[in-house]
Amino acid sequence: MNKLQRLLQSKVLILTICAAGIGGTFQYGYNISIINAPTSYIQAFMNETWLERTGVPLESNVILLLWSLTVSAYPLGGLTGALVAGPMAIMLGRKMSLLLNNVFVIIAAVLSGFSRMAKSFEMIMLSRFFTGVNAGVSMNIQPMYLAESAPKKLRGAVALTSASFTALGLVLGQVVGLRELLGGEESWPFLLASNAVPALIQLTALPWFPESPRYLLIDRGDKESCISALRKLRGNSDLSAELEEMLAEQAAVKGQRAKNPWELFRNPALRWQVMYFYAAYVFQEAGIPQDKIPYVVIGTGSCELITSVTCNMIIDYAGRRPLLLGGYIFMAGWAIVFMVALSQQTQISWMPYLSMACIFAYILSFGIGPAGVTGVLPTEVFDQMSRPAAYMICGSLLWFNLFLVGTAFPFIVKSLAHFCYVPFLVVCVCTALYVGFFLPETKGKSFLEISEEFKKRNFKAQTRAGFYKGPEEIKSTVL
């Protein structure tokens, strides 16, 4: 009987993860990859549409500009989504925010699905913006929701499923985008509109699962709903220790309101934490035949999926710091080898194959630690009142960097040639140094214990100084 109860308990948690993930970070990966396959068809559609409107075809550089605007609309939407995710998580709750977020992607699906019928490439641009908003919100709120719903021993693995769903979305989008499926000339509007399917699945499934117990108790002050949510997630197991920990955290933040992003920089206990973010990784082709590229791209996505699942299985055993340190150190090493291989491609015949191997090794190193662990950290190192604002900052940095790298990389390649990976090498080395010197291990610790560790380290100097600033101001609990 106990075995059956534990099985049912784990099933509820697994189904909650799946319901949150399919319409959450899965969409981020899926919508990044589905736009690649129909690139030439959409550009031709832009030219044909403009020719019908004006009688004059578009010049090639104008088509490239319109395509760049279409692509850049996605990270701009993501930045918008990251900025609204914090207020949504506080005012609506974690689960309701994820459900409401599907409205953006359904609007996007309608716009892109009817764009060819309406003869409007502007609808595709607007569609990509709304798709980005959806991804920006989900990438912030899903790991927050799952980490707050998971037991302490499984918190890392559960929160890290967000990265696994991203990788799964990437691979599935690459597969669906093949010419044999929806990536053909006649079917590309259906490909762009196919992101409505995961949204509808989440809208059907997620309402059956509970809200974050921590949100219910600490933000809403609703102890009965919190216990009810814990019962659904944990079954009939003893909740006293977990509830006691949550009540201690509630007492620690009593009287405080949810913090705004800029307040995290003014608070010396939190300033070091918001300095940490990860840089986006970049792909570069190395002599691959054009007709083979879609299949190689599927290989890269599969690499990330394999490593994210592996990381998911070992994170609560290995810890966060070793995975981050190892990942960034290996990425730095492979970046150096990659630049050397690029510089020797014309002299040595097998160097292009080494370049390809470096790309895969770089992705594997990224996926084993940085890809997923960085999404877990804001949940663990910030308390309940600071967490939404922290995700707003981290999410904004992610999307801004995605936009920056996407627009600047051609110029980096042009100016640095074989040394184009130097900026990413510098980021990897600096991040590894920060993790090594400043980031504590969070494995197996409660949220309150992690928060207290940061406070002790940051307030040590102030304690020695021994000056008194007066009583702390008691504030309301609204944003």
Protein backbone atom coordinates (compact mmCIF):
# COMPACT_ATOMS: atom_id res chain seq x y z
CA MET A 1 0.00 0.00 0.00
CA ASN A 2 2.85 2.41 0.87
CA LYS A 3 4.49 1.63 -2.49
CA LEU A 4 1.23 2.43 -4.30
CA GLN A 5 0.88 5.74 -2.43
CA ARG A 6 4.46 6.75 -3.27
CA LEU A 7 3.87 5.82 -6.91
CA LEU A 8 0.70 7.90 -7.10
CA GLN A 9 2.47 10.79 -5.36
CA SER A 10 5.33 10.72 -7.86
CA LYS A 11 2.85 10.46 -10.73
CA VAL A 12 1.14 13.70 -9.69
CA LEU A 13 4.49 15.52 -9.57
CA ILE A 14 5.59 14.06 -12.93
CA LEU A 15 2.28 15.00 -14.57
CA THR A 16 2.55 18.52 -13.10
CA ILE A 17 6.02 18.83 -14.64
CA CYS A 18 4.72 17.64 -18.03
CA ALA A 19 1.67 19.92 -17.96
CA ALA A 20 3.82 22.95 -17.11
CA GLY A 21 6.60 22.06 -19.55
CA ILE A 22 4.59 21.29 -22.71
CA GLY A 23 3.17 24.81 -22.89
CA GLY A 24 6.13 26.42 -21.16
CA THR A 25 9.81 26.17 -22.07
CA PHE A 26 8.98 23.57 -24.73
CA GLN A 27 7.52 26.47 -26.72
CA TYR A 28 10.77 28.42 -26.42
CA GLY A 29 12.82 25.66 -28.04
CA TYR A 30 10.12 24.76 -30.55
CA ASN A 31 9.62 28.33 -31.78
CA ILE A 32 13.36 28.94 -32.14
CA SER A 33 13.75 25.95 -34.47
CA ILE A 34 10.59 26.08 -36.62
CA ILE A 35 11.47 29.45 -38.15
CA ASN A 36 14.70 28.10 -39.71
CA ALA A 37 13.24 25.62 -42.21
CA PRO A 38 10.93 27.99 -44.17
CA THR A 39 13.42 30.89 -44.35
CA SER A 40 13.70 30.93 -48.17
CA TYR A 41 9.95 30.43 -48.63
CA ILE A 42 9.05 33.31 -46.31
CA GLN A 43 11.57 35.59 -48.02
CA ALA A 44 10.05 34.68 -51.39
CA PHE A 45 6.58 35.35 -49.95
CA MET A 46 7.74 38.81 -48.80
CA ASN A 47 9.01 39.61 -52.29
CA GLU A 48 5.86 38.31 -54.01
CA THR A 49 3.59 40.23 -51.64
CA TRP A 50 5.48 43.47 -52.18
CA LEU A 51 5.45 42.92 -55.97
CA GLU A 52 1.64 42.49 -55.93
CA ARG A 53 1.22 45.64 -53.82
CA THR A 54 3.55 47.99 -55.70
CA GLY A 55 4.46 46.29 -58.97
CA VAL A 56 8.13 46.54 -58.03
CA PRO A 57 10.14 43.64 -56.57
CA LEU A 58 12.19 44.08 -53.41
CA GLU A 59 15.96 44.39 -53.60
CA SER A 60 17.92 41.58 -51.95
CA ASN A 61 19.23 43.80 -49.17
CA VAL A 62 15.69 44.97 -48.36
CA ILE A 63 14.51 41.35 -48.17
CA LEU A 64 17.40 40.61 -45.82
CA LEU A 65 16.41 43.62 -43.68
CA LEU A 66 12.78 42.46 -43.49
CA TRP A 67 13.92 38.96 -42.55
CA SER A 68 16.22 40.38 -39.87
CA LEU A 69 13.28 42.32 -38.43
CA THR A 70 11.18 39.13 -38.45
CA VAL A 71 13.89 37.19 -36.62
CA SER A 72 14.66 39.99 -34.13
CA ALA A 73 10.96 40.33 -33.24
CA TYR A 74 11.27 37.05 -31.29
CA PRO A 75 13.92 38.16 -28.74
CA LEU A 76 12.25 41.58 -28.46
CA GLY A 77 9.01 39.80 -27.57
CA GLY A 78 10.98 37.60 -25.16
CA LEU A 79 12.38 40.69 -23.44
CA THR A 80 8.84 42.07 -23.10
CA GLY A 81 7.66 38.74 -21.69
CA ALA A 82 10.51 38.61 -19.18
CA LEU A 83 9.60 42.10 -17.94
CA VAL A 84 5.89 41.30 -17.43
CA ALA A 85 6.54 37.82 -15.97
CA GLY A 86 7.42 39.15 -12.50
CA PRO A 87 4.21 41.16 -11.95
CA MET A 88 2.17 38.30 -13.46
CA ALA A 89 3.72 35.74 -11.08
CA ILE A 90 2.94 37.94 -8.07
CA MET A 91 -0.55 39.12 -8.96
CA LEU A 92 -1.95 36.05 -10.75
CA GLY A 93 0.14 33.26 -9.23
CA ARG A 94 2.50 30.86 -10.96
CA LYS A 95 -0.04 28.44 -12.43
CA MET A 96 -2.54 31.06 -13.61
CA SER A 97 0.28 33.03 -15.27
CA LEU A 98 1.32 29.94 -17.25
CA LEU A 99 -2.28 29.36 -18.33
CA LEU A 100 -2.86 32.98 -19.35
CA ASN A 101 0.46 32.98 -21.22
CA ASN A 102 -1.02 30.62 -23.81
CA VAL A 103 -3.17 33.48 -25.12
CA PHE A 104 -0.06 35.08 -26.64
CA VAL A 105 0.98 32.00 -28.58
CA ILE A 106 -2.58 31.32 -29.81
CA ILE A 107 -2.73 34.88 -31.17
CA ALA A 108 0.66 34.25 -32.80
CA ALA A 109 -0.57 30.99 -34.37
CA VAL A 110 -3.64 32.70 -35.86
CA LEU A 111 -1.54 35.54 -37.30
CA SER A 112 1.08 33.28 -38.90
CA GLY A 113 -1.44 30.67 -40.03
CA PHE A 114 -3.50 33.21 -42.00
CA SER A 115 -0.59 35.40 -43.15
CA ARG A 116 -0.34 33.90 -46.65
CA MET A 117 -4.11 34.00 -47.12
CA ALA A 118 -4.12 37.67 -46.06
CA LYS A 119 -1.00 38.35 -48.18
CA SER A 120 0.66 40.09 -45.24
CA PHE A 121 4.24 39.37 -44.16
CA GLU A 122 3.71 41.94 -41.38
CA MET A 123 1.46 39.36 -39.70
CA ILE A 124 4.46 37.00 -39.50
CA MET A 125 6.56 39.69 -37.81
CA LEU A 126 3.81 40.41 -35.29
CA SER A 127 3.33 36.68 -34.79
CA ARG A 128 7.01 36.25 -33.90
CA PHE A 129 6.75 39.07 -31.38
CA PHE A 130 3.80 37.44 -29.58
CA THR A 131 5.59 34.09 -29.71
CA GLY A 132 8.56 35.74 -28.02
CA VAL A 133 6.35 37.20 -25.29
CA ASN A 134 5.05 33.70 -24.59
CA ALA A 135 8.59 32.31 -24.37
CA GLY A 136 9.78 35.18 -22.15
CA VAL A 137 6.99 34.59 -19.64
CA SER A 138 7.29 30.80 -19.58
CA MET A 139 11.07 30.76 -19.20
CA ASN A 140 10.75 32.87 -16.05
CA ILE A 141 7.66 31.39 -14.43
CA GLN A 142 7.91 27.66 -15.21
CA PRO A 143 11.17 26.98 -13.27
CA MET A 144 9.83 29.14 -10.43
CA TYR A 145 6.58 27.18 -10.30
CA LEU A 146 8.24 23.76 -10.47
CA ALA A 147 11.01 24.52 -7.94
CA GLU A 148 8.47 25.89 -5.45
CA SER A 149 6.30 22.78 -5.93
CA ALA A 150 9.09 20.20 -5.60
CA PRO A 151 10.38 18.55 -2.41
CA LYS A 152 13.81 19.81 -1.30
CA LYS A 153 15.65 16.61 -2.29
CA LEU A 154 14.29 16.75 -5.85
CA ARG A 155 14.19 20.53 -6.31
CA GLY A 156 17.18 20.71 -8.66
CA ALA A 157 16.07 17.85 -10.87
CA VAL A 158 12.46 19.08 -11.06
CA ALA A 159 13.39 22.69 -11.87
CA LEU A 160 15.93 21.49 -14.43
CA THR A 161 13.19 19.80 -16.46
CA SER A 162 12.62 23.30 -17.89
CA ALA A 163 15.90 22.91 -19.82
CA SER A 164 14.94 19.40 -20.90
CA PHE A 165 11.65 20.66 -22.34
CA THR A 166 13.52 23.45 -24.16
CA ALA A 167 15.85 20.89 -25.76
CA LEU A 168 12.89 18.62 -26.58
CA GLY A 169 11.15 21.56 -28.26
CA LEU A 170 14.28 22.31 -30.29
CA VAL A 171 14.56 18.75 -31.58
CA LEU A 172 10.86 18.33 -32.30
CA GLY A 173 10.75 21.69 -34.10
CA GLN A 174 13.72 20.65 -36.24
CA VAL A 175 12.04 17.34 -37.11
CA VAL A 176 8.63 18.89 -37.89
CA GLY A 177 10.42 21.52 -39.99
CA LEU A 178 11.83 18.95 -42.41
CA ARG A 179 10.59 19.29 -46.00
CA GLU A 180 9.00 15.85 -45.77
CA LEU A 181 6.70 17.08 -42.97
CA LEU A 182 5.66 20.74 -42.56
CA GLY A 183 8.79 22.50 -43.86
CA GLY A 184 7.74 22.50 -47.51
CA GLU A 185 6.79 25.46 -49.70
CA GLU A 186 3.05 24.90 -49.40
CA SER A 187 2.90 23.94 -45.74
CA TRP A 188 5.08 26.53 -43.95
CA PRO A 189 2.09 28.55 -42.59
CA PHE A 190 0.91 25.36 -40.85
CA LEU A 191 4.42 24.88 -39.45
CA LEU A 192 4.44 28.36 -37.91
CA ALA A 193 0.90 27.88 -36.57
CA SER A 194 1.65 24.43 -35.09
CA ASN A 195 2.75 26.04 -31.79
CA ALA A 196 -0.95 26.31 -30.92
CA VAL A 197 -1.04 22.55 -30.27
CA PRO A 198 1.20 22.58 -27.13
CA ALA A 199 -0.73 25.62 -25.89
CA LEU A 200 -4.06 23.79 -26.16
CA ILE A 201 -2.59 20.73 -24.39
CA GLN A 202 -1.45 22.88 -21.47
CA LEU A 203 -4.80 24.71 -21.27
CA THR A 204 -6.49 21.31 -21.00
CA ALA A 205 -4.09 19.66 -18.55
CA LEU A 206 -2.60 22.25 -16.17
CA PRO A 207 -5.87 23.36 -14.45
CA TRP A 208 -6.08 19.88 -12.85
CA PHE A 209 -2.85 20.42 -10.89
CA PRO A 210 -2.23 22.60 -7.82
CA GLU A 211 -0.73 26.07 -7.50
CA SER A 212 2.73 26.49 -5.97
CA PRO A 213 2.35 25.70 -2.23
CA ARG A 214 4.97 28.34 -1.34
CA TYR A 215 3.11 31.01 -3.28
CA LEU A 216 -0.16 30.11 -1.56
CA LEU A 217 1.35 30.30 1.94
CA ILE A 218 3.97 33.06 1.73
CA ASP A 219 2.47 35.39 -0.88
CA ARG A 220 -1.23 34.79 -0.26
CA GLY A 221 -1.13 33.75 3.40
CA ASP A 222 -3.55 30.90 2.64
CA LYS A 223 -2.35 28.03 4.84
CA GLU A 224 -5.30 25.73 4.09
CA SER A 225 -4.81 25.95 0.31
CA CYS A 226 -1.08 25.42 0.81
CA ILE A 227 -1.68 22.20 2.77
CA SER A 228 -4.23 21.06 0.18
CA ALA A 229 -1.70 21.64 -2.62
CA LEU A 230 1.00 19.78 -0.69
CA ARG A 231 -1.37 16.85 -0.14
CA LYS A 232 -1.98 16.59 -3.88
CA LEU A 233 1.74 16.74 -4.64
CA ARG A 234 3.04 14.59 -1.76
CA GLY A 235 0.15 12.23 -1.08
CA ASN A 236 -0.29 11.09 2.53
CA SER A 237 3.37 11.46 3.50
CA ASP A 238 4.31 13.51 6.57
CA LEU A 239 4.22 17.21 5.69
CA SER A 240 5.26 18.60 9.07
CA ALA A 241 8.96 19.20 8.27
CA GLU A 242 8.27 20.81 4.90
CA LEU A 243 5.45 22.94 6.29
CA GLU A 244 7.64 24.02 9.20
CA GLU A 245 10.36 25.13 6.79
CA MET A 246 7.84 27.11 4.73
CA LEU A 247 6.39 28.75 7.87
CA ALA A 248 9.93 29.74 8.90
CA GLU A 249 10.46 31.38 5.51
CA GLN A 250 7.07 33.09 5.81
CA ALA A 251 8.11 34.49 9.21
CA ALA A 252 11.46 35.64 7.80
CA VAL A 253 9.81 37.74 5.06
CA LYS A 254 6.81 38.85 7.13
CA GLY A 255 5.90 42.46 6.48
CA GLN A 256 7.98 42.69 3.33
CA ARG A 257 6.52 43.38 -0.08
CA ALA A 258 7.60 41.76 -3.34
CA LYS A 259 10.75 43.55 -4.47
CA ASN A 260 11.19 45.49 -7.68
CA PRO A 261 14.17 44.56 -9.90
CA TRP A 262 16.15 47.73 -9.15
CA GLU A 263 15.84 47.08 -5.40
CA LEU A 264 17.95 43.92 -5.74
CA PHE A 265 20.94 46.03 -6.76
CA ARG A 266 20.50 48.35 -3.77
CA ASN A 267 20.37 45.42 -1.35
CA PRO A 268 23.95 44.31 -0.48
CA ALA A 269 22.74 40.81 0.41
CA LEU A 270 21.50 40.32 -3.16
CA ARG A 271 23.85 42.37 -5.35
CA TRP A 272 26.31 39.54 -6.05
CA GLN A 273 23.52 37.17 -7.02
CA VAL A 274 22.10 39.26 -9.87
CA MET A 275 25.54 39.53 -11.50
CA TYR A 276 25.24 35.93 -12.59
CA PHE A 277 23.71 35.14 -15.96
CA TYR A 278 24.70 33.00 -18.86
CA ALA A 279 25.65 34.01 -22.36
CA ALA A 280 23.89 32.43 -25.31
CA TYR A 281 25.89 29.91 -27.31
CA VAL A 282 26.40 30.41 -31.03
CA PHE A 283 26.44 27.97 -33.93
CA GLN A 284 28.68 28.31 -36.94
CA GLU A 285 28.65 26.09 -40.00
CA ALA A 286 31.91 24.45 -41.01
CA GLY A 287 31.80 23.22 -44.59
CA ILE A 288 28.58 21.20 -44.41
CA PRO A 289 26.67 20.62 -47.68
CA GLN A 290 23.48 22.68 -47.84
CA ASP A 291 21.16 19.69 -48.16
CA LYS A 292 22.70 18.05 -45.06
CA ILE A 293 22.42 21.08 -42.77
CA PRO A 294 18.85 20.35 -41.48
CA TYR A 295 19.95 16.89 -40.35
CA VAL A 296 23.14 18.20 -38.71
CA VAL A 297 21.03 20.80 -36.90
CA ILE A 298 18.84 17.98 -35.58
CA GLY A 299 22.06 16.39 -34.31
CA THR A 300 23.00 19.52 -32.37
CA GLY A 301 19.53 19.72 -30.85
CA SER A 302 19.70 16.04 -29.93
CA CYS A 303 23.05 16.67 -28.19
CA GLU A 304 21.48 19.33 -26.03
CA LEU A 305 18.50 17.11 -25.24
CA ILE A 306 20.75 14.20 -24.19
CA THR A 307 22.95 16.39 -21.99
CA SER A 308 20.02 18.21 -20.38
CA VAL A 309 18.38 14.89 -19.46
CA THR A 310 21.74 13.64 -18.11
CA CYS A 311 22.17 16.82 -16.08
CA ASN A 312 18.64 16.38 -14.79
CA MET A 313 19.52 12.94 -13.42
CA ILE A 314 22.77 13.94 -11.70
CA ILE A 315 22.19 17.52 -10.49
CA ASP A 316 20.96 16.52 -7.01
CA TYR A 317 23.92 14.17 -6.59
CA ALA A 318 26.76 16.17 -8.16
CA GLY A 319 25.59 19.60 -7.00
CA ARG A 320 25.21 22.86 -8.88
CA ARG A 321 28.72 24.33 -8.66
CA PRO A 322 30.62 21.36 -10.18
CA LEU A 323 28.25 21.21 -13.16
CA LEU A 324 28.53 24.95 -13.78
CA LEU A 325 32.29 25.09 -13.30
CA GLY A 326 32.92 22.01 -15.44
CA GLY A 327 30.57 23.22 -18.17
CA TYR A 328 32.09 26.68 -18.50
CA ILE A 329 35.69 25.43 -18.28
CA PHE A 330 35.07 22.86 -21.02
CA MET A 331 33.26 25.46 -23.15
CA ALA A 332 36.29 27.76 -22.83
CA GLY A 333 38.61 24.90 -23.84
CA TRP A 334 36.54 23.91 -26.86
CA ALA A 335 36.29 27.56 -27.96
CA ILE A 336 40.09 27.73 -28.08
CA VAL A 337 40.36 24.46 -30.05
CA PHE A 338 37.59 25.66 -32.40
CA MET A 339 39.43 28.91 -33.19
CA VAL A 340 42.66 27.02 -33.83
CA ALA A 341 40.80 24.61 -36.15
CA LEU A 342 39.23 27.53 -38.05
CA SER A 343 42.61 29.14 -38.56
CA GLN A 344 44.03 25.93 -40.05
CA GLN A 345 41.08 24.89 -42.27
CA THR A 346 42.75 25.90 -45.51
CA GLN A 347 46.07 24.23 -44.64
CA ILE A 348 44.93 20.88 -43.20
CA SER A 349 42.24 18.84 -44.96
CA TRP A 350 40.68 17.27 -41.85
CA MET A 351 40.36 20.52 -39.88
CA PRO A 352 36.71 21.10 -40.94
CA TYR A 353 35.82 17.81 -39.23
CA LEU A 354 37.57 18.99 -36.06
CA SER A 355 35.58 22.24 -36.29
CA MET A 356 32.36 20.23 -36.46
CA ALA A 357 33.46 18.10 -33.51
CA CYS A 358 34.17 21.30 -31.54
CA ILE A 359 30.66 22.61 -32.22
CA PHE A 360 29.12 19.41 -30.86
CA ALA A 361 31.52 19.34 -27.90
CA TYR A 362 30.73 22.98 -27.11
CA ILE A 363 27.00 22.22 -27.10
CA LEU A 364 27.52 19.10 -24.97
CA SER A 365 29.55 21.12 -22.44
CA PHE A 366 26.86 23.80 -22.39
CA GLY A 367 24.05 21.28 -21.97
CA ILE A 368 25.63 19.30 -19.11
CA GLY A 369 25.57 22.28 -16.74
CA PRO A 370 25.11 25.92 -17.78
CA ALA A 371 22.06 25.30 -20.01
CA GLY A 372 19.88 24.07 -17.15
CA VAL A 373 21.52 24.93 -13.85
CA THR A 374 21.42 28.67 -14.55
CA GLY A 375 17.63 28.42 -14.82
CA VAL A 376 17.44 26.77 -11.39
CA LEU A 377 19.68 29.22 -9.52
CA PRO A 378 17.36 32.27 -9.38
CA THR A 379 14.77 30.09 -7.66
CA GLU A 380 17.27 28.83 -5.08
CA VAL A 381 19.36 31.89 -4.25
CA PHE A 382 16.50 34.39 -3.89
CA ASP A 383 13.81 34.44 -1.23
CA GLN A 384 10.09 34.43 -2.02
CA MET A 385 9.80 38.23 -2.13
CA SER A 386 12.85 38.68 -4.41
CA ARG A 387 12.35 35.73 -6.74
CA PRO A 388 9.97 37.27 -9.35
CA ALA A 389 12.16 40.39 -9.67
CA ALA A 390 15.27 38.21 -9.96
CA TYR A 391 13.72 36.25 -12.82
CA MET A 392 12.78 39.53 -14.51
CA ILE A 393 16.45 40.59 -14.44
CA CYS A 394 17.83 37.19 -15.51
CA GLY A 395 15.22 36.81 -18.24
CA SER A 396 15.80 40.33 -19.55
CA LEU A 397 19.56 39.70 -19.69
CA LEU A 398 19.01 36.42 -21.53
CA TRP A 399 16.77 37.94 -24.20
CA PHE A 400 18.89 41.08 -24.56
CA ASN A 401 21.99 38.91 -25.07
CA LEU A 402 20.14 36.72 -27.57
CA PHE A 403 19.18 39.82 -29.53
CA LEU A 404 22.68 41.32 -29.21
CA VAL A 405 24.51 38.15 -30.29
CA GLY A 406 22.10 37.55 -33.15
CA THR A 407 22.64 41.04 -34.59
CA ALA A 408 26.33 41.51 -33.75
CA PHE A 409 27.75 38.09 -34.61
CA PRO A 410 28.13 38.72 -38.38
CA PHE A 411 30.16 41.84 -37.57
CA ILE A 412 32.21 39.91 -34.98
CA VAL A 413 33.04 37.28 -37.61
CA LYS A 414 33.93 39.95 -40.15
CA SER A 415 36.23 41.85 -37.78
CA LEU A 416 37.78 38.96 -35.82
CA ALA A 417 37.72 36.24 -38.51
CA HIS A 418 39.15 33.01 -37.01
CA PHE A 419 39.10 34.57 -33.52
CA CYS A 420 35.34 35.15 -33.55
CA TYR A 421 34.88 33.06 -30.41
CA VAL A 422 37.12 35.29 -28.27
CA PRO A 423 34.14 37.23 -26.76
CA PHE A 424 32.46 33.95 -25.78
CA LEU A 425 35.74 32.60 -24.40
CA VAL A 426 36.03 35.69 -22.18
CA VAL A 427 32.43 35.25 -20.95
CA CYS A 428 33.04 31.56 -20.13
CA VAL A 429 36.26 32.29 -18.22
CA CYS A 430 34.75 35.21 -16.26
CA THR A 431 31.64 33.21 -15.40
CA ALA A 432 33.72 30.22 -14.24
CA LEU A 433 35.74 32.57 -11.99
CA TYR A 434 32.56 34.06 -10.53
CA VAL A 435 31.07 30.62 -9.83
CA GLY A 436 34.32 29.44 -8.26
CA PHE A 437 34.79 32.42 -5.95
CA PHE A 438 31.31 33.73 -5.11
CA LEU A 439 28.53 31.21 -5.72
CA PRO A 440 27.83 28.79 -2.83
CA GLU A 441 26.57 25.25 -3.29
CA THR A 442 22.77 25.10 -2.92
CA LYS A 443 22.28 21.31 -3.12
CA GLY A 444 20.09 19.92 -0.33
CA LYS A 445 19.54 23.29 1.37
CA SER A 446 16.25 25.00 2.09
CA PHE A 447 15.47 28.36 0.49
CA LEU A 448 15.85 30.04 3.88
CA GLU A 449 19.25 28.42 4.53
CA ILE A 450 20.55 29.60 1.14
CA SER A 451 19.25 33.13 1.71
CA GLU A 452 20.84 33.26 5.17
CA GLU A 453 24.19 32.12 3.73
CA PHE A 454 24.21 35.05 1.32
CA LYS A 455 23.24 37.47 4.09
CA LYS A 456 26.01 36.26 6.39
CA ARG A 457 28.63 36.68 3.69
CA ASN A 458 27.46 40.09 2.50
CA PHE A 459 26.73 41.63 5.88
CA LYS A 460 29.96 40.40 7.53
CA ALA A 461 31.76 43.68 6.89
CA GLN A 462 28.80 45.73 8.11
CA THR A 463 28.60 43.70 11.32
CA ARG A 464 32.26 44.44 12.06
CA ALA A 465 31.66 48.14 11.39
CA GLY A 466 28.94 48.05 14.00
CA PHE A 467 26.80 51.01 13.10
CA TYR A 468 23.04 51.18 13.62
CA LYS A 469 20.66 52.35 10.91
CA GLY A 470 17.48 52.15 12.94
CA PRO A 471 14.58 49.68 12.71
CA GLU A 472 13.79 48.13 9.37
CA GLU A 473 10.78 49.61 7.66
CA ILE A 474 7.73 47.35 7.64
CA LYS A 475 6.12 47.32 4.23
CA SER A 476 3.00 45.90 2.64
CA THR A 477 3.00 42.61 0.74
CA VAL A 478 1.89 43.98 -2.62
CA LEU A 479 4.12 44.85 -5.57
